[in-house]
Amino acid sequence: MGALNKAVNYADSKGALVVSSAGNDAVDLDKDRNRTFVPCQSGTSFCVGATTNLDLLVTYSNHGLSGPQLTAPGGGAPSAPSPFASGIWGPCSAHSIWAPVCATGNWYLLGTGTSMAAPHVAGAAALADSVAAGGPGSAGAGELKTKLQRTADDLGRPGADNVYSHGRLNTLGAVQ
């Protein structure tokens, strides 16, 4: 874990925002101090938990203020009207680890997990950076984290809480 901490902190020192997944173990990271969840709790990583299409924390998402700093859509709502509404759709790619599935003629894949939530945050950070006051590429990792947290929709108790941390990603808020 030491090498990963160094790598994440080095990237942060160069202005790069490292976005990571919280993990899918349904663990309250504030209470489970016997384990460290990597890369969520590595260095200055910006850790992301997952919400359902109903803005609830998904049952499998790790949570707690010592872990995720934000939540984003990750799929998995048990009350979704159809199985197709309970995940996150992503395009197939010849470079994907799912290339064999894509080779069968599928154009899209359906996935769930905090690994589906993290790309939402990484994309929103890139968009927020593209409209930063100093021009594209001028916002540092710390500035982007603050902007994403400040503009998130507060879904739990007012302020940061154990379930949603600083809230659920609001991309529109982050770019305005």
N, C-alpha and C. Protein backbone atom coordinates (compact mmCIF):
# COMPACT_ATOMS: atom_id res chain seq x y z
N MET A 1 0.81 -1.18 0.00
CA MET A 1 0.00 0.00 0.00
C MET A 1 0.87 1.26 0.00
N GLY A 2 2.05 1.20 0.53
CA GLY A 2 2.95 2.35 0.56
C GLY A 2 3.25 2.88 -0.83
N ALA A 3 3.50 1.97 -1.77
CA ALA A 3 3.80 2.39 -3.15
C ALA A 3 2.59 3.07 -3.78
N LEU A 4 1.40 2.56 -3.51
CA LEU A 4 0.19 3.16 -4.07
C LEU A 4 -0.04 4.55 -3.47
N ASN A 5 0.16 4.68 -2.16
CA ASN A 5 0.04 6.00 -1.52
C ASN A 5 0.99 7.00 -2.17
N LYS A 6 2.22 6.58 -2.39
CA LYS A 6 3.21 7.47 -3.02
C LYS A 6 2.77 7.87 -4.42
N ALA A 7 2.27 6.90 -5.19
CA ALA A 7 1.85 7.18 -6.56
C ALA A 7 0.67 8.15 -6.59
N VAL A 8 -0.31 7.91 -5.74
CA VAL A 8 -1.49 8.79 -5.69
C VAL A 8 -1.08 10.19 -5.23
N ASN A 9 -0.26 10.27 -4.20
CA ASN A 9 0.18 11.57 -3.70
C ASN A 9 1.04 12.31 -4.72
N TYR A 10 1.86 11.58 -5.47
CA TYR A 10 2.69 12.20 -6.51
C TYR A 10 1.79 12.79 -7.60
N ALA A 11 0.81 12.02 -8.04
CA ALA A 11 -0.12 12.51 -9.06
C ALA A 11 -0.83 13.77 -8.57
N ASP A 12 -1.26 13.75 -7.31
CA ASP A 12 -1.93 14.90 -6.71
C ASP A 12 -1.00 16.11 -6.68
N SER A 13 0.26 15.89 -6.36
CA SER A 13 1.21 17.01 -6.30
C SER A 13 1.45 17.63 -7.67
N LYS A 14 1.16 16.89 -8.72
CA LYS A 14 1.30 17.39 -10.10
C LYS A 14 -0.03 17.94 -10.63
N GLY A 15 -1.04 18.01 -9.76
CA GLY A 15 -2.33 18.59 -10.14
C GLY A 15 -3.34 17.61 -10.67
N ALA A 16 -3.01 16.32 -10.71
CA ALA A 16 -3.94 15.31 -11.23
C ALA A 16 -4.89 14.85 -10.13
N LEU A 17 -6.14 14.74 -10.45
CA LEU A 17 -7.13 14.23 -9.51
C LEU A 17 -7.26 12.73 -9.74
N VAL A 18 -6.94 11.94 -8.73
CA VAL A 18 -7.04 10.48 -8.81
C VAL A 18 -8.38 10.09 -8.18
N VAL A 19 -9.29 9.59 -9.02
CA VAL A 19 -10.62 9.18 -8.57
C VAL A 19 -10.62 7.67 -8.41
N SER A 20 -11.11 7.20 -7.25
CA SER A 20 -11.13 5.76 -7.00
C SER A 20 -12.50 5.32 -6.50
N SER A 21 -12.75 4.03 -6.60
CA SER A 21 -14.00 3.43 -6.15
C SER A 21 -13.92 3.09 -4.67
N ALA A 22 -15.05 3.21 -3.99
CA ALA A 22 -15.12 2.93 -2.56
C ALA A 22 -15.03 1.44 -2.25
N GLY A 23 -15.48 0.61 -3.17
CA GLY A 23 -15.52 -0.82 -2.91
C GLY A 23 -16.95 -1.28 -2.71
N ASN A 24 -17.19 -2.55 -2.95
CA ASN A 24 -18.54 -3.12 -2.95
C ASN A 24 -18.74 -4.14 -1.85
N ASP A 25 -18.29 -3.81 -0.64
CA ASP A 25 -18.36 -4.76 0.47
C ASP A 25 -19.40 -4.38 1.52
N ALA A 26 -20.16 -3.30 1.31
CA ALA A 26 -21.17 -2.81 2.26
C ALA A 26 -20.57 -2.54 3.63
N VAL A 27 -19.35 -2.01 3.65
CA VAL A 27 -18.64 -1.78 4.91
C VAL A 27 -18.72 -0.30 5.30
N ASP A 28 -18.97 -0.06 6.58
CA ASP A 28 -18.88 1.29 7.13
C ASP A 28 -17.41 1.50 7.49
N LEU A 29 -16.71 2.26 6.68
CA LEU A 29 -15.27 2.44 6.86
C LEU A 29 -14.91 3.20 8.12
N ASP A 30 -15.88 3.91 8.71
CA ASP A 30 -15.63 4.59 9.98
C ASP A 30 -15.60 3.61 11.15
N LYS A 31 -16.30 2.48 11.00
CA LYS A 31 -16.36 1.49 12.07
C LYS A 31 -15.35 0.36 11.90
N ASP A 32 -15.03 0.03 10.66
CA ASP A 32 -14.09 -1.06 10.38
C ASP A 32 -12.68 -0.50 10.25
N ARG A 33 -11.99 -0.41 11.37
CA ARG A 33 -10.63 0.15 11.38
C ARG A 33 -9.55 -0.93 11.26
N ASN A 34 -9.97 -2.20 11.13
CA ASN A 34 -9.02 -3.30 11.04
C ASN A 34 -8.49 -3.51 9.63
N ARG A 35 -9.17 -2.91 8.64
CA ARG A 35 -8.77 -3.07 7.25
C ARG A 35 -8.64 -1.69 6.60
N THR A 36 -7.83 -1.64 5.58
CA THR A 36 -7.73 -0.44 4.75
C THR A 36 -8.18 -0.83 3.36
N PHE A 37 -9.10 -0.05 2.81
CA PHE A 37 -9.63 -0.35 1.49
C PHE A 37 -8.85 0.44 0.44
N VAL A 38 -8.20 -0.31 -0.43
CA VAL A 38 -7.32 0.26 -1.45
C VAL A 38 -8.05 0.18 -2.79
N PRO A 39 -8.06 1.21 -3.58
CA PRO A 39 -7.34 2.47 -3.45
C PRO A 39 -8.12 3.57 -2.73
N CYS A 40 -9.35 3.27 -2.30
CA CYS A 40 -10.20 4.29 -1.68
C CYS A 40 -9.48 5.07 -0.57
N GLN A 41 -8.81 4.39 0.30
CA GLN A 41 -8.16 5.05 1.42
C GLN A 41 -6.66 5.22 1.19
N SER A 42 -6.27 5.33 -0.06
CA SER A 42 -4.85 5.49 -0.41
C SER A 42 -4.52 6.95 -0.67
N GLY A 43 -3.56 7.45 0.05
CA GLY A 43 -3.06 8.80 -0.19
C GLY A 43 -4.17 9.82 -0.27
N THR A 44 -4.09 10.68 -1.26
CA THR A 44 -5.06 11.75 -1.45
C THR A 44 -6.12 11.41 -2.49
N SER A 45 -6.35 10.13 -2.70
CA SER A 45 -7.34 9.67 -3.66
C SER A 45 -8.71 10.27 -3.36
N PHE A 46 -9.48 10.56 -4.40
CA PHE A 46 -10.85 11.07 -4.26
C PHE A 46 -11.78 9.88 -4.43
N CYS A 47 -12.24 9.36 -3.33
CA CYS A 47 -12.98 8.10 -3.28
C CYS A 47 -14.48 8.34 -3.49
N VAL A 48 -15.13 7.42 -4.24
CA VAL A 48 -16.53 7.58 -4.64
C VAL A 48 -17.35 6.36 -4.27
N GLY A 49 -18.47 6.59 -3.59
CA GLY A 49 -19.45 5.55 -3.30
C GLY A 49 -20.52 5.56 -4.38
N ALA A 50 -21.47 4.62 -4.31
CA ALA A 50 -22.48 4.48 -5.36
C ALA A 50 -23.89 4.67 -4.84
N THR A 51 -24.71 5.32 -5.69
CA THR A 51 -26.13 5.50 -5.41
C THR A 51 -26.96 4.76 -6.46
N THR A 52 -28.22 4.54 -6.11
CA THR A 52 -29.17 3.91 -7.03
C THR A 52 -29.81 4.98 -7.91
N ASN A 53 -30.68 4.54 -8.81
CA ASN A 53 -31.42 5.49 -9.63
C ASN A 53 -32.46 6.25 -8.81
N LEU A 54 -32.65 5.86 -7.56
CA LEU A 54 -33.57 6.55 -6.66
C LEU A 54 -32.81 7.41 -5.64
N ASP A 55 -31.54 7.64 -5.88
CA ASP A 55 -30.68 8.45 -5.00
C ASP A 55 -30.54 7.88 -3.58
N LEU A 56 -30.54 6.56 -3.48
CA LEU A 56 -30.26 5.89 -2.22
C LEU A 56 -28.88 5.28 -2.32
N LEU A 57 -28.18 5.15 -1.21
CA LEU A 57 -26.90 4.45 -1.23
C LEU A 57 -27.20 3.00 -1.58
N VAL A 58 -26.49 2.45 -2.57
CA VAL A 58 -26.74 1.05 -2.90
C VAL A 58 -26.29 0.16 -1.75
N THR A 59 -26.92 -0.98 -1.62
CA THR A 59 -26.67 -1.84 -0.47
C THR A 59 -25.23 -2.32 -0.39
N TYR A 60 -24.54 -2.44 -1.52
CA TYR A 60 -23.18 -2.98 -1.52
C TYR A 60 -22.09 -1.92 -1.34
N SER A 61 -22.40 -0.64 -1.46
CA SER A 61 -21.36 0.40 -1.45
C SER A 61 -20.73 0.59 -0.08
N ASN A 62 -19.41 0.61 -0.04
CA ASN A 62 -18.72 1.02 1.18
C ASN A 62 -19.04 2.49 1.42
N HIS A 63 -19.03 2.89 2.67
CA HIS A 63 -19.38 4.27 3.00
C HIS A 63 -18.66 4.68 4.28
N GLY A 64 -18.86 5.91 4.69
CA GLY A 64 -18.21 6.43 5.89
C GLY A 64 -17.32 7.61 5.54
N LEU A 65 -17.21 8.55 6.44
CA LEU A 65 -16.43 9.75 6.18
C LEU A 65 -14.94 9.48 6.01
N SER A 66 -14.46 8.35 6.50
CA SER A 66 -13.04 8.02 6.33
C SER A 66 -12.78 7.33 4.98
N GLY A 67 -13.81 7.24 4.16
CA GLY A 67 -13.68 6.63 2.84
C GLY A 67 -14.17 7.56 1.75
N PRO A 68 -15.35 7.28 1.19
CA PRO A 68 -15.84 8.08 0.07
C PRO A 68 -16.04 9.55 0.45
N GLN A 69 -15.65 10.42 -0.47
CA GLN A 69 -15.90 11.84 -0.27
C GLN A 69 -17.11 12.32 -1.06
N LEU A 70 -17.67 11.43 -1.88
CA LEU A 70 -18.79 11.77 -2.75
C LEU A 70 -19.46 10.47 -3.17
N THR A 71 -20.70 10.57 -3.60
CA THR A 71 -21.37 9.42 -4.21
C THR A 71 -21.80 9.81 -5.63
N ALA A 72 -22.05 8.81 -6.45
CA ALA A 72 -22.48 9.02 -7.83
C ALA A 72 -23.26 7.77 -8.27
N PRO A 73 -24.02 7.87 -9.36
CA PRO A 73 -24.79 6.71 -9.81
C PRO A 73 -23.92 5.48 -10.05
N GLY A 74 -24.35 4.36 -9.47
CA GLY A 74 -23.61 3.12 -9.63
C GLY A 74 -24.51 1.95 -9.98
N GLY A 75 -25.83 2.18 -9.98
CA GLY A 75 -26.76 1.13 -10.34
C GLY A 75 -27.12 0.26 -9.16
N GLY A 76 -28.01 -0.66 -9.41
CA GLY A 76 -28.36 -1.64 -8.39
C GLY A 76 -29.59 -1.34 -7.58
N ALA A 77 -30.53 -0.54 -8.10
CA ALA A 77 -31.74 -0.24 -7.34
C ALA A 77 -32.69 -1.43 -7.37
N PRO A 78 -33.01 -2.00 -6.20
CA PRO A 78 -33.89 -3.17 -6.20
C PRO A 78 -35.31 -2.83 -6.67
N SER A 79 -35.71 -1.57 -6.61
CA SER A 79 -37.08 -1.21 -7.00
C SER A 79 -37.15 -0.66 -8.42
N ALA A 80 -36.11 -0.86 -9.18
CA ALA A 80 -36.13 -0.38 -10.57
C ALA A 80 -37.25 -1.08 -11.33
N PRO A 81 -37.88 -0.36 -12.27
CA PRO A 81 -39.00 -0.95 -13.01
C PRO A 81 -38.61 -2.12 -13.91
N SER A 82 -37.34 -2.19 -14.29
CA SER A 82 -36.89 -3.33 -15.09
C SER A 82 -35.43 -3.57 -14.78
N PRO A 83 -34.90 -4.76 -15.08
CA PRO A 83 -33.49 -5.01 -14.81
C PRO A 83 -32.59 -4.07 -15.59
N PHE A 84 -33.08 -3.52 -16.72
CA PHE A 84 -32.26 -2.63 -17.53
C PHE A 84 -32.12 -1.25 -16.91
N ALA A 85 -33.01 -0.91 -15.97
CA ALA A 85 -32.94 0.40 -15.33
C ALA A 85 -32.09 0.37 -14.06
N SER A 86 -31.61 -0.81 -13.68
CA SER A 86 -30.91 -0.91 -12.41
C SER A 86 -29.39 -0.90 -12.53
N GLY A 87 -28.88 -0.63 -13.70
CA GLY A 87 -27.43 -0.60 -13.88
C GLY A 87 -26.99 0.62 -14.63
N ILE A 88 -25.73 0.66 -14.98
CA ILE A 88 -25.15 1.74 -15.75
C ILE A 88 -24.73 1.16 -17.09
N TRP A 89 -25.22 1.76 -18.16
CA TRP A 89 -24.89 1.29 -19.50
C TRP A 89 -23.59 1.90 -19.95
N GLY A 90 -22.73 1.09 -20.55
CA GLY A 90 -21.46 1.57 -21.10
C GLY A 90 -21.22 0.97 -22.46
N PRO A 91 -20.56 1.71 -23.34
CA PRO A 91 -20.32 1.20 -24.69
C PRO A 91 -19.26 0.10 -24.71
N CYS A 92 -19.42 -0.83 -25.63
CA CYS A 92 -18.41 -1.87 -25.82
C CYS A 92 -17.17 -1.27 -26.48
N SER A 93 -16.05 -1.89 -26.25
CA SER A 93 -14.79 -1.46 -26.83
C SER A 93 -13.92 -2.68 -27.06
N ALA A 94 -13.16 -2.65 -28.13
CA ALA A 94 -12.23 -3.74 -28.41
C ALA A 94 -11.13 -3.81 -27.35
N HIS A 95 -10.96 -2.72 -26.59
CA HIS A 95 -9.91 -2.66 -25.57
C HIS A 95 -10.44 -2.95 -24.17
N SER A 96 -11.71 -3.26 -24.07
CA SER A 96 -12.34 -3.53 -22.79
C SER A 96 -11.98 -4.93 -22.30
N ILE A 97 -12.01 -5.08 -20.97
CA ILE A 97 -11.83 -6.43 -20.42
C ILE A 97 -13.02 -7.31 -20.79
N TRP A 98 -14.10 -6.69 -21.21
CA TRP A 98 -15.30 -7.41 -21.62
C TRP A 98 -15.32 -7.64 -23.13
N ALA A 99 -14.18 -7.50 -23.80
CA ALA A 99 -14.11 -7.65 -25.26
C ALA A 99 -14.78 -8.94 -25.76
N PRO A 100 -14.63 -10.10 -25.08
CA PRO A 100 -15.31 -11.31 -25.57
C PRO A 100 -16.83 -11.16 -25.59
N VAL A 101 -17.40 -10.48 -24.61
CA VAL A 101 -18.84 -10.24 -24.58
C VAL A 101 -19.22 -9.30 -25.71
N CYS A 102 -18.41 -8.26 -25.90
CA CYS A 102 -18.66 -7.29 -26.96
C CYS A 102 -18.55 -7.93 -28.34
N ALA A 103 -17.70 -8.92 -28.48
CA ALA A 103 -17.50 -9.59 -29.77
C ALA A 103 -18.73 -10.36 -30.23
N THR A 104 -19.66 -10.62 -29.31
CA THR A 104 -20.88 -11.35 -29.67
C THR A 104 -21.89 -10.46 -30.36
N GLY A 105 -21.55 -9.20 -30.60
CA GLY A 105 -22.47 -8.29 -31.28
C GLY A 105 -23.14 -7.30 -30.36
N ASN A 106 -22.84 -7.37 -29.07
CA ASN A 106 -23.40 -6.39 -28.14
C ASN A 106 -22.73 -5.03 -28.36
N TRP A 107 -23.51 -3.99 -28.32
CA TRP A 107 -22.95 -2.65 -28.46
C TRP A 107 -22.73 -2.00 -27.11
N TYR A 108 -23.49 -2.43 -26.11
CA TYR A 108 -23.40 -1.85 -24.77
C TYR A 108 -23.37 -2.94 -23.72
N LEU A 109 -22.82 -2.61 -22.59
CA LEU A 109 -22.78 -3.52 -21.45
C LEU A 109 -23.50 -2.86 -20.28
N LEU A 110 -24.09 -3.64 -19.42
CA LEU A 110 -24.76 -3.15 -18.23
C LEU A 110 -23.91 -3.53 -17.03
N GLY A 111 -23.54 -2.56 -16.22
CA GLY A 111 -22.72 -2.84 -15.05
C GLY A 111 -23.26 -2.16 -13.81
N THR A 112 -22.88 -2.68 -12.66
CA THR A 112 -23.22 -2.05 -11.39
C THR A 112 -21.98 -2.06 -10.51
N GLY A 113 -21.94 -1.16 -9.56
CA GLY A 113 -20.84 -1.12 -8.62
C GLY A 113 -20.26 0.27 -8.45
N THR A 114 -19.42 0.40 -7.44
CA THR A 114 -18.77 1.69 -7.24
C THR A 114 -17.81 1.98 -8.39
N SER A 115 -17.41 0.94 -9.11
CA SER A 115 -16.57 1.14 -10.30
C SER A 115 -17.36 1.80 -11.43
N MET A 116 -18.67 1.79 -11.37
CA MET A 116 -19.50 2.51 -12.34
C MET A 116 -19.68 3.95 -11.89
N ALA A 117 -19.60 4.20 -10.58
CA ALA A 117 -19.77 5.56 -10.05
C ALA A 117 -18.52 6.42 -10.25
N ALA A 118 -17.35 5.84 -10.12
CA ALA A 118 -16.11 6.61 -10.23
C ALA A 118 -15.93 7.29 -11.59
N PRO A 119 -16.26 6.65 -12.72
CA PRO A 119 -16.11 7.36 -13.99
C PRO A 119 -17.03 8.57 -14.12
N HIS A 120 -18.20 8.53 -13.47
CA HIS A 120 -19.06 9.71 -13.48
C HIS A 120 -18.33 10.89 -12.85
N VAL A 121 -17.67 10.65 -11.74
CA VAL A 121 -16.96 11.72 -11.04
C VAL A 121 -15.74 12.17 -11.83
N ALA A 122 -15.00 11.23 -12.40
CA ALA A 122 -13.82 11.60 -13.21
C ALA A 122 -14.24 12.46 -14.40
N GLY A 123 -15.34 12.09 -15.05
CA GLY A 123 -15.83 12.87 -16.19
C GLY A 123 -16.29 14.25 -15.77
N ALA A 124 -17.00 14.32 -14.64
CA ALA A 124 -17.46 15.63 -14.14
C ALA A 124 -16.27 16.50 -13.76
N ALA A 125 -15.23 15.91 -13.20
CA ALA A 125 -14.03 16.67 -12.86
C ALA A 125 -13.37 17.22 -14.11
N ALA A 126 -13.32 16.41 -15.16
CA ALA A 126 -12.73 16.87 -16.43
C ALA A 126 -13.54 18.02 -17.01
N LEU A 127 -14.86 17.92 -16.96
CA LEU A 127 -15.71 19.00 -17.43
C LEU A 127 -15.51 20.27 -16.59
N ALA A 128 -15.48 20.12 -15.27
CA ALA A 128 -15.27 21.28 -14.39
C ALA A 128 -13.92 21.93 -14.66
N ASP A 129 -12.91 21.11 -14.92
CA ASP A 129 -11.59 21.65 -15.23
C ASP A 129 -11.59 22.39 -16.56
N SER A 130 -12.40 21.92 -17.51
CA SER A 130 -12.42 22.55 -18.83
C SER A 130 -13.03 23.94 -18.80
N VAL A 131 -13.83 24.25 -17.78
CA VAL A 131 -14.43 25.58 -17.67
C VAL A 131 -13.86 26.38 -16.49
N ALA A 132 -12.72 25.93 -15.97
CA ALA A 132 -12.10 26.60 -14.83
C ALA A 132 -11.73 28.05 -15.19
N ALA A 133 -11.74 28.92 -14.19
CA ALA A 133 -11.48 30.35 -14.40
C ALA A 133 -10.17 30.61 -15.12
N GLY A 134 -9.14 29.84 -14.85
CA GLY A 134 -7.84 30.04 -15.47
C GLY A 134 -7.70 29.36 -16.82
N GLY A 135 -8.77 28.77 -17.31
CA GLY A 135 -8.73 28.07 -18.59
C GLY A 135 -8.59 26.57 -18.36
N PRO A 136 -8.84 25.80 -19.42
CA PRO A 136 -8.73 24.33 -19.30
C PRO A 136 -7.37 23.90 -18.78
N GLY A 137 -7.40 22.98 -17.84
CA GLY A 137 -6.15 22.45 -17.28
C GLY A 137 -5.60 23.27 -16.14
N SER A 138 -6.30 24.33 -15.74
CA SER A 138 -5.74 25.21 -14.70
C SER A 138 -6.15 24.82 -13.28
N ALA A 139 -7.24 24.06 -13.15
CA ALA A 139 -7.71 23.68 -11.82
C ALA A 139 -6.87 22.52 -11.29
N GLY A 140 -6.40 22.63 -10.08
CA GLY A 140 -5.65 21.55 -9.45
C GLY A 140 -6.58 20.53 -8.83
N ALA A 141 -6.03 19.44 -8.34
CA ALA A 141 -6.82 18.37 -7.74
C ALA A 141 -7.63 18.87 -6.56
N GLY A 142 -7.02 19.66 -5.70
CA GLY A 142 -7.72 20.16 -4.52
C GLY A 142 -8.89 21.05 -4.89
N GLU A 143 -8.70 21.90 -5.89
CA GLU A 143 -9.77 22.78 -6.34
C GLU A 143 -10.93 21.97 -6.93
N LEU A 144 -10.60 20.95 -7.70
CA LEU A 144 -11.65 20.12 -8.30
C LEU A 144 -12.41 19.34 -7.23
N LYS A 145 -11.71 18.78 -6.25
CA LYS A 145 -12.38 18.07 -5.16
C LYS A 145 -13.37 18.98 -4.46
N THR A 146 -12.89 20.18 -4.11
CA THR A 146 -13.74 21.13 -3.39
C THR A 146 -14.96 21.51 -4.22
N LYS A 147 -14.76 21.76 -5.50
CA LYS A 147 -15.87 22.15 -6.38
C LYS A 147 -16.90 21.02 -6.47
N LEU A 148 -16.44 19.79 -6.66
CA LEU A 148 -17.36 18.66 -6.76
C LEU A 148 -18.13 18.43 -5.45
N GLN A 149 -17.45 18.59 -4.33
CA GLN A 149 -18.12 18.41 -3.04
C GLN A 149 -19.09 19.54 -2.75
N ARG A 150 -18.69 20.77 -3.06
CA ARG A 150 -19.51 21.94 -2.78
C ARG A 150 -20.79 21.96 -3.61
N THR A 151 -20.72 21.43 -4.83
CA THR A 151 -21.88 21.47 -5.73
C THR A 151 -22.70 20.18 -5.69
N ALA A 152 -22.30 19.21 -4.89
CA ALA A 152 -23.03 17.94 -4.80
C ALA A 152 -24.41 18.16 -4.18
N ASP A 153 -25.35 17.31 -4.54
CA ASP A 153 -26.68 17.34 -3.94
C ASP A 153 -26.62 16.64 -2.58
N ASP A 154 -26.94 17.38 -1.53
CA ASP A 154 -26.88 16.86 -0.17
C ASP A 154 -28.10 15.97 0.07
N LEU A 155 -27.89 14.66 0.11
CA LEU A 155 -29.00 13.72 0.21
C LEU A 155 -29.25 13.22 1.63
N GLY A 156 -28.28 13.29 2.49
CA GLY A 156 -28.43 12.76 3.84
C GLY A 156 -28.64 13.88 4.84
N ARG A 157 -28.07 13.72 6.01
CA ARG A 157 -28.11 14.78 7.00
C ARG A 157 -27.41 16.01 6.44
N PRO A 158 -27.81 17.18 6.84
CA PRO A 158 -27.16 18.39 6.32
C PRO A 158 -25.65 18.35 6.55
N GLY A 159 -24.91 18.67 5.50
CA GLY A 159 -23.45 18.61 5.57
C GLY A 159 -22.96 17.20 5.28
N ALA A 160 -21.69 16.97 5.47
CA ALA A 160 -21.11 15.65 5.23
C ALA A 160 -21.66 14.65 6.24
N ASP A 161 -22.02 13.47 5.78
CA ASP A 161 -22.54 12.43 6.67
C ASP A 161 -21.94 11.08 6.32
N ASN A 162 -22.19 10.10 7.16
CA ASN A 162 -21.62 8.76 7.04
C ASN A 162 -22.12 7.99 5.83
N VAL A 163 -23.28 8.33 5.30
CA VAL A 163 -23.88 7.57 4.21
C VAL A 163 -23.50 8.14 2.85
N TYR A 164 -23.77 9.43 2.64
CA TYR A 164 -23.53 10.06 1.34
C TYR A 164 -22.29 10.94 1.31
N SER A 165 -21.60 11.05 2.43
CA SER A 165 -20.44 11.92 2.57
C SER A 165 -20.87 13.35 2.23
N HIS A 166 -20.28 13.95 1.20
CA HIS A 166 -20.62 15.33 0.82
C HIS A 166 -21.82 15.39 -0.12
N GLY A 167 -22.38 14.25 -0.47
CA GLY A 167 -23.56 14.23 -1.32
C GLY A 167 -23.36 13.44 -2.58
N ARG A 168 -24.38 13.54 -3.48
CA ARG A 168 -24.32 12.87 -4.77
C ARG A 168 -23.89 13.86 -5.84
N LEU A 169 -23.02 13.42 -6.68
CA LEU A 169 -22.49 14.23 -7.76
C LEU A 169 -23.58 15.01 -8.49
N ASN A 170 -23.32 16.31 -8.73
CA ASN A 170 -24.19 17.14 -9.55
C ASN A 170 -23.29 17.78 -10.61
N THR A 171 -23.21 17.16 -11.76
CA THR A 171 -22.30 17.62 -12.82
C THR A 171 -22.66 19.01 -13.30
N LEU A 172 -23.92 19.29 -13.48
CA LEU A 172 -24.32 20.62 -13.93
C LEU A 172 -23.84 21.68 -12.95
N GLY A 173 -24.04 21.44 -11.67
CA GLY A 173 -23.57 22.39 -10.65
C GLY A 173 -22.06 22.59 -10.71
N ALA A 174 -21.34 21.54 -11.00
CA ALA A 174 -19.88 21.62 -11.02
C ALA A 174 -19.33 22.42 -12.20
N VAL A 175 -20.10 22.52 -13.29
CA VAL A 175 -19.60 23.24 -14.45
C VAL A 175 -20.16 24.66 -14.57
N GLN A 176 -21.12 25.01 -13.73
CA GLN A 176 -21.66 26.37 -13.80
C GLN A 176 -20.87 27.34 -12.96
